[in-house]
Protein backbone atom coordinates (compact mmCIF):
# COMPACT_ATOMS: atom_id res chain seq x y z
CA MET A 1 17.26 51.42 -11.04
CA ASN A 2 18.59 49.13 -8.33
CA MET A 3 16.74 45.79 -8.40
CA LYS A 4 17.73 42.87 -6.25
CA VAL A 5 17.63 39.40 -7.65
CA ILE A 6 16.21 36.79 -5.30
CA PRO A 7 18.51 33.77 -5.21
CA SER A 8 16.96 30.53 -6.45
CA THR A 9 17.50 28.87 -3.07
CA HIS A 10 15.24 31.46 -1.46
CA LEU A 11 12.56 30.79 -4.07
CA PHE A 12 12.89 27.06 -3.52
CA ILE A 13 12.53 27.43 0.27
CA PHE A 14 9.53 29.73 -0.14
CA ALA A 15 7.85 27.27 -2.52
CA LEU A 16 8.54 24.38 -0.15
CA LEU A 17 7.07 26.25 2.82
CA PHE A 18 4.03 27.23 0.78
CA ILE A 19 3.43 23.61 -0.25
CA CYS A 20 3.75 22.50 3.39
CA PHE A 21 1.25 25.16 4.43
CA LEU A 22 -1.25 23.98 1.81
CA ALA A 23 -0.84 20.35 2.87
CA MET A 24 -1.43 21.22 6.53
CA ALA A 25 -4.51 23.30 5.67
CA ASP A 26 -5.91 20.44 3.57
CA GLN A 27 -5.28 17.93 6.36
CA LYS A 28 -7.03 20.17 8.90
CA ALA A 29 -10.04 20.56 6.60
CA ALA A 30 -10.25 16.80 6.05
CA SER A 31 -10.14 16.04 9.78
CA ALA A 32 -12.83 18.65 10.46
CA THR A 33 -15.23 17.01 8.00
CA ARG A 34 -14.48 13.41 9.04
CA ALA A 35 -17.30 11.71 10.92
CA PRO A 36 -16.49 10.80 14.52
CA LYS A 37 -15.40 7.23 15.02
CA ASN A 38 -17.71 4.81 16.79
CA GLU A 39 -15.89 1.51 16.24
CA TRP A 40 -12.21 0.43 16.30
CA PRO A 41 -11.63 -2.78 14.28
CA GLU A 42 -7.89 -2.03 14.12
CA VAL A 43 -7.42 -2.89 17.82
CA VAL A 44 -8.64 -6.50 17.57
CA GLY A 45 -5.78 -8.70 18.77
CA LEU A 46 -4.20 -6.01 20.97
CA THR A 47 -4.30 -6.19 24.76
CA ALA A 48 -7.11 -4.33 26.52
CA GLU A 49 -4.65 -1.68 27.74
CA GLU A 50 -3.20 -1.11 24.26
CA ALA A 51 -6.72 -0.81 22.86
CA GLN A 52 -7.68 1.73 25.52
CA ASN A 53 -4.65 3.89 24.71
CA ARG A 54 -5.46 3.82 20.98
CA ILE A 55 -9.14 4.67 21.52
CA LYS A 56 -8.30 7.55 23.92
CA GLN A 57 -6.43 9.21 21.05
CA ASP A 58 -9.69 9.38 19.09
CA MET A 59 -12.20 10.07 21.86
CA GLY A 60 -10.45 11.89 24.66
CA VAL A 61 -12.86 11.54 27.58
CA VAL A 62 -14.17 8.00 27.64
CA HIS A 63 -15.24 5.34 30.14
CA PHE A 64 -14.03 1.84 29.30
CA GLN A 65 -15.78 -1.35 30.25
CA VAL A 66 -13.57 -4.41 29.75
CA VAL A 67 -15.81 -7.45 29.38
CA PRO A 68 -14.71 -11.09 29.14
CA GLN A 69 -15.91 -12.72 25.92
CA GLY A 70 -19.32 -14.36 26.36
CA ASN A 71 -20.42 -12.28 29.36
CA PHE A 72 -23.78 -10.57 29.34
CA VAL A 73 -24.00 -6.76 29.17
CA THR A 74 -26.85 -4.28 29.54
CA MET A 75 -28.51 -2.93 26.41
CA ASP A 76 -28.43 0.75 27.45
CA HIS A 77 -26.50 3.13 25.19
CA ARG A 78 -23.98 5.54 26.68
CA PRO A 79 -22.11 7.82 24.26
CA GLN A 80 -19.02 8.09 26.49
CA ARG A 81 -18.67 4.33 27.08
CA VAL A 82 -16.64 1.89 25.01
CA ARG A 83 -16.92 -1.80 25.72
CA ILE A 84 -13.83 -3.87 25.04
CA PHE A 85 -14.52 -7.60 24.79
CA ILE A 86 -11.47 -9.71 25.60
CA ASP A 87 -10.54 -13.37 25.24
CA PRO A 88 -8.89 -15.45 28.02
CA ASP A 89 -5.45 -14.10 26.94
CA ASN A 90 -6.58 -10.48 27.57
CA LYS A 91 -6.62 -9.79 23.81
CA VAL A 92 -9.43 -7.82 22.17
CA SER A 93 -11.73 -10.40 20.55
CA ARG A 94 -14.07 -8.13 18.56
CA PRO A 95 -14.10 -4.47 17.50
CA PRO A 96 -14.80 -2.17 20.46
CA ARG A 97 -17.61 0.29 19.90
CA ILE A 98 -19.31 3.21 21.56
CA GLY A 99 -22.35 2.35 23.57
């Protein structure tokens, strides 16, 4: 009987690839079950442009409304609009949110 022995390096590489595959599958499942974001507190202190770039990564198609702090806004809700309130230095002053 002629049996080949698989070298341990091949087993190690196979195990490593299998673990990577499982990690990617788990990450995909977690992102599929995650609720969509509607607020971005992590962009407070960034410039309006930096905040827009960060939010686009989460939303894709979005209309931004940059509003100086203290200005009045309408109360209508639009699911593709994000208002970014800025201070006089063009920094985000409060968490932007959908609406």
